[in-house]
Amino acid sequence: MTDFLEVKAKRTFAVGKELKTKKSDPFKVEAGEAKQLEAQGLVDIVGEAQAAVEDDATDEAADKPVISSARSTKKKEKPDAVNEGS
């Protein structure tokens, strides 16, 4: 299981496509990334992320494929003209 830490931005920087500023709410990042950001002077580590276990459970559910029973398993019948050539 990956450990997540909650961090607060000290300076403006980008995380993916999102900008984090001093005014941004604290956010979760992996522990290794949090330590790298702290070493660069970009964030302060606030503490451990509280809902890490709950988020992992919802992520696992989101990764599972959705099985739909709406598909028909019946073979479509072809017109006789198509079947004769077989």
PDB file of N, CA and C in Angstrom:
ATOM      1  N   MET A   1       0.839  -1.179   0.000  1.00  0.00           N
ATOM      2  CA  MET A   1       0.000   0.000   0.000  1.00  0.00           C
ATOM      3  C   MET A   1       0.883   1.240   0.000  1.00  0.00           C
ATOM      4  N   THR A   2       0.544   2.181  -0.809  1.00  0.00           N
ATOM      5  CA  THR A   2       1.301   3.418  -0.902  1.00  0.00           C
ATOM      6  C   THR A   2       0.873   4.369   0.208  1.00  0.00           C
ATOM      7  N   ASP A   3       1.859   4.969   0.865  1.00  0.00           N
ATOM      8  CA  ASP A   3       1.564   5.944   1.909  1.00  0.00           C
ATOM      9  C   ASP A   3       1.380   7.310   1.277  1.00  0.00           C
ATOM     10  N   PHE A   4       0.381   8.042   1.754  1.00  0.00           N
ATOM     11  CA  PHE A   4       0.125   9.390   1.281  1.00  0.00           C
ATOM     12  C   PHE A   4       0.305  10.361   2.432  1.00  0.00           C
ATOM     13  N   LEU A   5       0.848  11.528   2.123  1.00  0.00           N
ATOM     14  CA  LEU A   5       1.000  12.597   3.100  1.00  0.00           C
ATOM     15  C   LEU A   5       0.217  13.804   2.615  1.00  0.00           C
ATOM     16  N   GLU A   6      -0.269  14.582   3.561  1.00  0.00           N
ATOM     17  CA  GLU A   6      -0.975  15.809   3.228  1.00  0.00           C
ATOM     18  C   GLU A   6       0.027  16.953   3.290  1.00  0.00           C
ATOM     19  N   VAL A   7       0.051  17.766   2.241  1.00  0.00           N
ATOM     20  CA  VAL A   7       1.013  18.861   2.159  1.00  0.00           C
ATOM     21  C   VAL A   7       0.299  20.173   1.869  1.00  0.00           C
ATOM     22  N   LYS A   8       0.947  21.275   2.229  1.00  0.00           N
ATOM     23  CA  LYS A   8       0.442  22.633   1.989  1.00  0.00           C
ATOM     24  C   LYS A   8       1.490  23.386   1.188  1.00  0.00           C
ATOM     25  N   ALA A   9       1.080  23.985   0.080  1.00  0.00           N
ATOM     26  CA  ALA A   9       2.008  24.704  -0.796  1.00  0.00           C
ATOM     27  C   ALA A   9       2.564  25.950  -0.106  1.00  0.00           C
ATOM     28  N   LYS A  10       3.880  26.170  -0.263  1.00  0.00           N
ATOM     29  CA  LYS A  10       4.536  27.381   0.238  1.00  0.00           C
ATOM     30  C   LYS A  10       4.729  28.386  -0.891  1.00  0.00           C
ATOM     31  N   ARG A  11       4.877  27.862  -2.109  1.00  0.00           N
ATOM     32  CA  ARG A  11       5.063  28.679  -3.312  1.00  0.00           C
ATOM     33  C   ARG A  11       4.181  28.101  -4.407  1.00  0.00           C
ATOM     34  N   THR A  12       3.971  28.866  -5.469  1.00  0.00           N
ATOM     35  CA  THR A  12       3.166  28.393  -6.591  1.00  0.00           C
ATOM     36  C   THR A  12       3.957  27.400  -7.432  1.00  0.00           C
ATOM     37  N   PHE A  13       3.317  26.272  -7.735  1.00  0.00           N
ATOM     38  CA  PHE A  13       3.916  25.265  -8.614  1.00  0.00           C
ATOM     39  C   PHE A  13       2.798  24.417  -9.209  1.00  0.00           C
ATOM     40  N   ALA A  14       3.142  23.648 -10.234  1.00  0.00           N
ATOM     41  CA  ALA A  14       2.152  22.823 -10.924  1.00  0.00           C
ATOM     42  C   ALA A  14       2.235  21.377 -10.458  1.00  0.00           C
ATOM     43  N   VAL A  15       1.074  20.776 -10.270  1.00  0.00           N
ATOM     44  CA  VAL A  15       0.957  19.344 -10.006  1.00  0.00           C
ATOM     45  C   VAL A  15       0.073  18.815 -11.129  1.00  0.00           C
ATOM     46  N   GLY A  16       0.695  18.147 -12.092  1.00  0.00           N
ATOM     47  CA  GLY A  16      -0.058  17.724 -13.269  1.00  0.00           C
ATOM     48  C   GLY A  16      -0.504  18.954 -14.035  1.00  0.00           C
ATOM     49  N   LYS A  17      -1.808  19.097 -14.231  1.00  0.00           N
ATOM     50  CA  LYS A  17      -2.349  20.260 -14.945  1.00  0.00           C
ATOM     51  C   LYS A  17      -2.898  21.312 -13.981  1.00  0.00           C
ATOM     52  N   GLU A  18      -2.695  21.101 -12.686  1.00  0.00           N
ATOM     53  CA  GLU A  18      -3.263  21.975 -11.668  1.00  0.00           C
ATOM     54  C   GLU A  18      -2.176  22.803 -10.991  1.00  0.00           C
ATOM     55  N   LEU A  19      -2.449  24.096 -10.788  1.00  0.00           N
ATOM     56  CA  LEU A  19      -1.515  24.958 -10.068  1.00  0.00           C
ATOM     57  C   LEU A  19      -1.858  24.961  -8.583  1.00  0.00           C
ATOM     58  N   LYS A  20      -0.840  24.832  -7.757  1.00  0.00           N
ATOM     59  CA  LYS A  20      -1.006  24.921  -6.310  1.00  0.00           C
ATOM     60  C   LYS A  20      -0.350  26.216  -5.852  1.00  0.00           C
ATOM     61  N   THR A  21      -1.039  26.964  -4.997  1.00  0.00           N
ATOM     62  CA  THR A  21      -0.525  28.237  -4.492  1.00  0.00           C
ATOM     63  C   THR A  21      -0.580  28.226  -2.963  1.00  0.00           C
ATOM     64  N   LYS A  22      -0.072  29.310  -2.351  1.00  0.00           N
ATOM     65  CA  LYS A  22      -0.140  29.444  -0.890  1.00  0.00           C
ATOM     66  C   LYS A  22      -1.584  29.376  -0.402  1.00  0.00           C
ATOM     67  N   LYS A  23      -2.510  29.855  -1.230  1.00  0.00           N
ATOM     68  CA  LYS A  23      -3.919  29.901  -0.848  1.00  0.00           C
ATOM     69  C   LYS A  23      -4.640  28.573  -1.079  1.00  0.00           C
ATOM     70  N   SER A  24      -3.990  27.628  -1.759  1.00  0.00           N
ATOM     71  CA  SER A  24      -4.617  26.328  -2.027  1.00  0.00           C
ATOM     72  C   SER A  24      -4.827  25.550  -0.737  1.00  0.00           C
ATOM     73  N   ASP A  25      -5.873  24.744  -0.725  1.00  0.00           N
ATOM     74  CA  ASP A  25      -6.107  23.850   0.408  1.00  0.00           C
ATOM     75  C   ASP A  25      -5.015  22.786   0.430  1.00  0.00           C
ATOM     76  N   PRO A  26      -4.726  22.219   1.605  1.00  0.00           N
ATOM     77  CA  PRO A  26      -3.771  21.102   1.658  1.00  0.00           C
ATOM     78  C   PRO A  26      -4.257  19.962   0.760  1.00  0.00           C
ATOM     79  N   PHE A  27      -3.320  19.215   0.180  1.00  0.00           N
ATOM     80  CA  PHE A  27      -3.670  18.140  -0.737  1.00  0.00           C
ATOM     81  C   PHE A  27      -2.784  16.933  -0.485  1.00  0.00           C
ATOM     82  N   LYS A  28      -3.223  15.774  -0.982  1.00  0.00           N
ATOM     83  CA  LYS A  28      -2.508  14.522  -0.750  1.00  0.00           C
ATOM     84  C   LYS A  28      -1.556  14.229  -1.898  1.00  0.00           C
ATOM     85  N   VAL A  29      -0.366  13.749  -1.552  1.00  0.00           N
ATOM     86  CA  VAL A  29       0.595  13.233  -2.526  1.00  0.00           C
ATOM     87  C   VAL A  29       1.275  12.021  -1.898  1.00  0.00           C
ATOM     88  N   GLU A  30       1.904  11.205  -2.740  1.00  0.00           N
ATOM     89  CA  GLU A  30       2.631  10.054  -2.216  1.00  0.00           C
ATOM     90  C   GLU A  30       3.769  10.542  -1.327  1.00  0.00           C
ATOM     91  N   ALA A  31       4.153   9.738  -0.359  1.00  0.00           N
ATOM     92  CA  ALA A  31       5.161  10.125   0.628  1.00  0.00           C
ATOM     93  C   ALA A  31       6.476  10.533  -0.027  1.00  0.00           C
ATOM     94  N   GLY A  32       6.931   9.783  -1.018  1.00  0.00           N
ATOM     95  CA  GLY A  32       8.187  10.109  -1.698  1.00  0.00           C
ATOM     96  C   GLY A  32       8.120  11.443  -2.409  1.00  0.00           C
ATOM     97  N   GLU A  33       6.991  11.691  -3.070  1.00  0.00           N
ATOM     98  CA  GLU A  33       6.813  12.964  -3.778  1.00  0.00           C
ATOM     99  C   GLU A  33       6.741  14.117  -2.782  1.00  0.00           C
ATOM    100  N   ALA A  34       6.084  13.901  -1.651  1.00  0.00           N
ATOM    101  CA  ALA A  34       5.979  14.939  -0.623  1.00  0.00           C
ATOM    102  C   ALA A  34       7.361  15.331  -0.114  1.00  0.00           C
ATOM    103  N   LYS A  35       8.222  14.338   0.090  1.00  0.00           N
ATOM    104  CA  LYS A  35       9.576  14.620   0.579  1.00  0.00           C
ATOM    105  C   LYS A  35      10.397  15.371  -0.464  1.00  0.00           C
ATOM    106  N   GLN A  36      10.206  15.035  -1.739  1.00  0.00           N
ATOM    107  CA  GLN A  36      10.917  15.752  -2.806  1.00  0.00           C
ATOM    108  C   GLN A  36      10.446  17.201  -2.892  1.00  0.00           C
ATOM    109  N   LEU A  37       9.129  17.411  -2.825  1.00  0.00           N
ATOM    110  CA  LEU A  37       8.584  18.769  -2.889  1.00  0.00           C
ATOM    111  C   LEU A  37       9.046  19.597  -1.693  1.00  0.00           C
ATOM    112  N   GLU A  38       9.115  18.963  -0.523  1.00  0.00           N
ATOM    113  CA  GLU A  38       9.577  19.659   0.678  1.00  0.00           C
ATOM    114  C   GLU A  38      11.054  20.030   0.540  1.00  0.00           C
ATOM    115  N   ALA A  39      11.860  19.134  -0.014  1.00  0.00           N
ATOM    116  CA  ALA A  39      13.292  19.398  -0.200  1.00  0.00           C
ATOM    117  C   ALA A  39      13.517  20.561  -1.164  1.00  0.00           C
ATOM    118  N   GLN A  40      12.601  20.739  -2.110  1.00  0.00           N
ATOM    119  CA  GLN A  40      12.707  21.843  -3.069  1.00  0.00           C
ATOM    120  C   GLN A  40      12.126  23.139  -2.514  1.00  0.00           C
ATOM    121  N   GLY A  41      11.580  23.090  -1.305  1.00  0.00           N
ATOM    122  CA  GLY A  41      11.027  24.284  -0.677  1.00  0.00           C
ATOM    123  C   GLY A  41       9.662  24.675  -1.210  1.00  0.00           C
ATOM    124  N   LEU A  42       8.952  23.729  -1.825  1.00  0.00           N
ATOM    125  CA  LEU A  42       7.652  24.046  -2.411  1.00  0.00           C
ATOM    126  C   LEU A  42       6.486  23.806  -1.459  1.00  0.00           C
ATOM    127  N   VAL A  43       6.640  22.881  -0.515  1.00  0.00           N
ATOM    128  CA  VAL A  43       5.530  22.542   0.378  1.00  0.00           C
ATOM    129  C   VAL A  43       6.012  22.335   1.807  1.00  0.00           C
ATOM    130  N   ASP A  44       5.060  22.393   2.734  1.00  0.00           N
ATOM    131  CA  ASP A  44       5.252  21.948   4.113  1.00  0.00           C
ATOM    132  C   ASP A  44       4.404  20.697   4.279  1.00  0.00           C
ATOM    133  N   ILE A  45       4.957  19.677   4.918  1.00  0.00           N
ATOM    134  CA  ILE A  45       4.183  18.466   5.171  1.00  0.00           C
ATOM    135  C   ILE A  45       3.298  18.723   6.378  1.00  0.00           C
ATOM    136  N   VAL A  46       1.980  18.599   6.166  1.00  0.00           N
ATOM    137  CA  VAL A  46       1.001  18.865   7.214  1.00  0.00           C
ATOM    138  C   VAL A  46       0.812  17.626   8.081  1.00  0.00           C
ATOM    139  N   GLY A  47       0.784  16.457   7.478  1.00  0.00           N
ATOM    140  CA  GLY A  47       0.593  15.211   8.222  1.00  0.00           C
ATOM    141  C   GLY A  47       0.207  14.094   7.276  1.00  0.00           C
ATOM    142  N   GLU A  48      -0.200  12.971   7.862  1.00  0.00           N
ATOM    143  CA  GLU A  48      -0.632  11.841   7.047  1.00  0.00           C
ATOM    144  C   GLU A  48      -2.039  12.102   6.535  1.00  0.00           C
ATOM    145  N   ALA A  49      -2.300  11.643   5.320  1.00  0.00           N
ATOM    146  CA  ALA A  49      -3.630  11.798   4.745  1.00  0.00           C
ATOM    147  C   ALA A  49      -4.606  10.922   5.513  1.00  0.00           C
ATOM    148  N   GLN A  50      -5.753  11.475   5.893  1.00  0.00           N
ATOM    149  CA  GLN A  50      -6.716  10.773   6.741  1.00  0.00           C
ATOM    150  C   GLN A  50      -7.513   9.706   6.003  1.00  0.00           C
ATOM    151  N   ALA A  51      -7.917   9.964   4.764  1.00  0.00           N
ATOM    152  CA  ALA A  51      -8.840   9.069   4.057  1.00  0.00           C
ATOM    153  C   ALA A  51      -8.142   8.170   3.054  1.00  0.00           C
ATOM    154  N   ALA A  52      -6.878   7.854   3.268  1.00  0.00           N
ATOM    155  CA  ALA A  52      -6.129   7.056   2.294  1.00  0.00           C
ATOM    156  C   ALA A  52      -6.738   5.674   2.112  1.00  0.00           C
ATOM    157  N   VAL A  53      -7.211   5.046   3.177  1.00  0.00           N
ATOM    158  CA  VAL A  53      -7.772   3.700   3.079  1.00  0.00           C
ATOM    159  C   VAL A  53      -9.075   3.729   2.296  1.00  0.00           C
ATOM    160  N   GLU A  54      -9.927   4.719   2.560  1.00  0.00           N
ATOM    161  CA  GLU A  54     -11.195   4.823   1.850  1.00  0.00           C
ATOM    162  C   GLU A  54     -10.965   5.097   0.373  1.00  0.00           C
ATOM    163  N   ASP A  55     -10.019   5.962   0.039  1.00  0.00           N
ATOM    164  CA  ASP A  55      -9.739   6.277  -1.355  1.00  0.00           C
ATOM    165  C   ASP A  55      -9.224   5.059  -2.098  1.00  0.00           C
ATOM    166  N   ASP A  56      -8.395   4.235  -1.462  1.00  0.00           N
ATOM    167  CA  ASP A  56      -7.888   3.028  -2.108  1.00  0.00           C
ATOM    168  C   ASP A  56      -9.034   2.090  -2.452  1.00  0.00           C
ATOM    169  N   ALA A  57     -10.009   1.972  -1.573  1.00  0.00           N
ATOM    170  CA  ALA A  57     -11.137   1.078  -1.821  1.00  0.00           C
ATOM    171  C   ALA A  57     -11.962   1.575  -3.001  1.00  0.00           C
ATOM    172  N   THR A  58     -12.177   2.881  -3.105  1.00  0.00           N
ATOM    173  CA  THR A  58     -12.951   3.401  -4.227  1.00  0.00           C
ATOM    174  C   THR A  58     -12.152   3.332  -5.514  1.00  0.00           C
ATOM    175  N   ASP A  59     -10.827   3.492  -5.449  1.00  0.00           N
ATOM    176  CA  ASP A  59      -9.998   3.366  -6.644  1.00  0.00           C
ATOM    177  C   ASP A  59     -10.049   1.946  -7.180  1.00  0.00           C
ATOM    178  N   GLU A  60     -10.012   0.954  -6.293  1.00  0.00           N
ATOM    179  CA  GLU A  60     -10.070  -0.437  -6.733  1.00  0.00           C
ATOM    180  C   GLU A  60     -11.394  -0.717  -7.417  1.00  0.00           C
ATOM    181  N   ALA A  61     -12.482  -0.182  -6.885  1.00  0.00           N
ATOM    182  CA  ALA A  61     -13.789  -0.391  -7.495  1.00  0.00           C
ATOM    183  C   ALA A  61     -13.855   0.284  -8.859  1.00  0.00           C
ATOM    184  N   ALA A  62     -13.203   1.428  -8.999  1.00  0.00           N
ATOM    185  CA  ALA A  62     -13.210   2.142 -10.272  1.00  0.00           C
ATOM    186  C   ALA A  62     -12.373   1.424 -11.321  1.00  0.00           C
ATOM    187  N   ASP A  63     -11.362   0.662 -10.901  1.00  0.00           N
ATOM    188  CA  ASP A  63     -10.502  -0.045 -11.838  1.00  0.00           C
ATOM    189  C   ASP A  63     -11.142  -1.305 -12.397  1.00  0.00           C
ATOM    190  N   LYS A  64     -12.141  -1.845 -11.718  1.00  0.00           N
ATOM    191  CA  LYS A  64     -12.762  -3.083 -12.173  1.00  0.00           C
ATOM    192  C   LYS A  64     -13.635  -2.796 -13.394  1.00  0.00           C
ATOM    193  N   PRO A  65     -13.625  -3.696 -14.380  1.00  0.00           N
ATOM    194  CA  PRO A  65     -14.452  -3.471 -15.566  1.00  0.00           C
ATOM    195  C   PRO A  65     -15.933  -3.600 -15.228  1.00  0.00           C
ATOM    196  N   VAL A  66     -16.733  -2.842 -15.923  1.00  0.00           N
ATOM    197  CA  VAL A  66     -18.171  -2.899 -15.741  1.00  0.00           C
ATOM    198  C   VAL A  66     -18.709  -3.967 -16.679  1.00  0.00           C
ATOM    199  N   ILE A  67     -19.401  -4.929 -16.122  1.00  0.00           N
ATOM    200  CA  ILE A  67     -19.959  -6.012 -16.924  1.00  0.00           C
ATOM    201  C   ILE A  67     -21.433  -5.716 -17.132  1.00  0.00           C
ATOM    202  N   SER A  68     -21.800  -5.586 -18.374  1.00  0.00           N
ATOM    203  CA  SER A  68     -23.170  -5.256 -18.707  1.00  0.00           C
ATOM    204  C   SER A  68     -23.892  -6.502 -19.192  1.00  0.00           C
ATOM    205  N   SER A  69     -25.083  -6.734 -18.684  1.00  0.00           N
ATOM    206  CA  SER A  69     -25.869  -7.874 -19.135  1.00  0.00           C
ATOM    207  C   SER A  69     -26.821  -7.461 -20.252  1.00  0.00           C
ATOM    208  N   ALA A  70     -26.691  -6.247 -20.750  1.00  0.00           N
ATOM    209  CA  ALA A  70     -27.580  -5.743 -21.781  1.00  0.00           C
ATOM    210  C   ALA A  70     -27.275  -6.347 -23.150  1.00  0.00           C
ATOM    211  N   ARG A  71     -26.105  -6.914 -23.329  1.00  0.00           N
ATOM    212  CA  ARG A  71     -25.752  -7.496 -24.618  1.00  0.00           C
ATOM    213  C   ARG A  71     -26.540  -8.779 -24.855  1.00  0.00           C
ATOM    214  N   SER A  72     -26.873  -8.993 -26.082  1.00  0.00           N
ATOM    215  CA  SER A  72     -27.572 -10.214 -26.455  1.00  0.00           C
ATOM    216  C   SER A  72     -26.549 -11.273 -26.833  1.00  0.00           C
ATOM    217  N   THR A  73     -26.759 -12.498 -26.362  1.00  0.00           N
ATOM    218  CA  THR A  73     -25.841 -13.583 -26.700  1.00  0.00           C
ATOM    219  C   THR A  73     -26.371 -14.417 -27.855  1.00  0.00           C
ATOM    220  N   LYS A  74     -27.543 -14.057 -28.363  1.00  0.00           N
ATOM    221  CA  LYS A  74     -28.127 -14.798 -29.476  1.00  0.00           C
ATOM    222  C   LYS A  74     -27.409 -14.449 -30.768  1.00  0.00           C
ATOM    223  N   LYS A  75     -27.261 -15.461 -31.625  1.00  0.00           N
ATOM    224  CA  LYS A  75     -26.669 -15.217 -32.932  1.00  0.00           C
ATOM    225  C   LYS A  75     -27.724 -14.586 -33.830  1.00  0.00           C
ATOM    226  N   LYS A  76     -27.284 -13.630 -34.615  1.00  0.00           N
ATOM    227  CA  LYS A  76     -28.197 -13.014 -35.564  1.00  0.00           C
ATOM    228  C   LYS A  76     -28.353 -13.943 -36.760  1.00  0.00           C
ATOM    229  N   GLU A  77     -29.583 -14.105 -37.177  1.00  0.00           N
ATOM    230  CA  GLU A  77     -29.830 -14.963 -38.331  1.00  0.00           C
ATOM    231  C   GLU A  77     -29.512 -14.202 -39.604  1.00  0.00           C
ATOM    232  N   LYS A  78     -28.848 -14.891 -40.532  1.00  0.00           N
ATOM    233  CA  LYS A  78     -28.518 -14.299 -41.817  1.00  0.00           C
ATOM    234  C   LYS A  78     -29.583 -14.713 -42.823  1.00  0.00           C
ATOM    235  N   PRO A  79     -29.809 -13.902 -43.819  1.00  0.00           N
ATOM    236  CA  PRO A  79     -30.756 -14.299 -44.868  1.00  0.00           C
ATOM    237  C   PRO A  79     -30.273 -15.579 -45.548  1.00  0.00           C
ATOM    238  N   ASP A  80     -31.193 -16.374 -46.107  1.00  0.00           N
ATOM    239  CA  ASP A  80     -30.858 -17.645 -46.749  1.00  0.00           C
ATOM    240  C   ASP A  80     -29.828 -17.485 -47.860  1.00  0.00           C
ATOM    241  N   ALA A  81     -29.868 -16.384 -48.572  1.00  0.00           N
ATOM    242  CA  ALA A  81     -28.942 -16.181 -49.685  1.00  0.00           C
ATOM    243  C   ALA A  81     -27.503 -16.152 -49.179  1.00  0.00           C
ATOM    244  N   VAL A  82     -27.266 -15.611 -48.018  1.00  0.00           N
ATOM    245  CA  VAL A  82     -25.923 -15.535 -47.461  1.00  0.00           C
ATOM    246  C   VAL A  82     -25.489 -16.908 -46.966  1.00  0.00           C
ATOM    247  N   ASN A  83     -26.397 -17.683 -46.387  1.00  0.00           N
ATOM    248  CA  ASN A  83     -26.067 -18.992 -45.835  1.00  0.00           C
ATOM    249  C   ASN A  83     -25.762 -20.036 -46.906  1.00  0.00           C
ATOM    250  N   GLU A  84     -26.330 -19.896 -48.101  1.00  0.00           N
ATOM    251  CA  GLU A  84     -26.130 -20.889 -49.150  1.00  0.00           C
ATOM    252  C   GLU A  84     -24.681 -20.969 -49.597  1.00  0.00           C
ATOM    253  N   GLY A  85     -23.970 -19.880 -49.592  1.00  0.00           N
ATOM    254  CA  GLY A  85     -22.591 -19.854 -50.058  1.00  0.00           C
ATOM    255  C   GLY A  85     -21.617 -20.470 -49.072  1.00  0.00           C
ATOM    256  N   SER A  86     -22.023 -20.766 -47.884  1.00  0.00           N
ATOM    257  CA  SER A  86     -21.112 -21.273 -46.855  1.00  0.00           C
ATOM    258  C   SER A  86     -20.746 -22.708 -47.043  1.00  0.00           C
TER     259      SER A  86
END
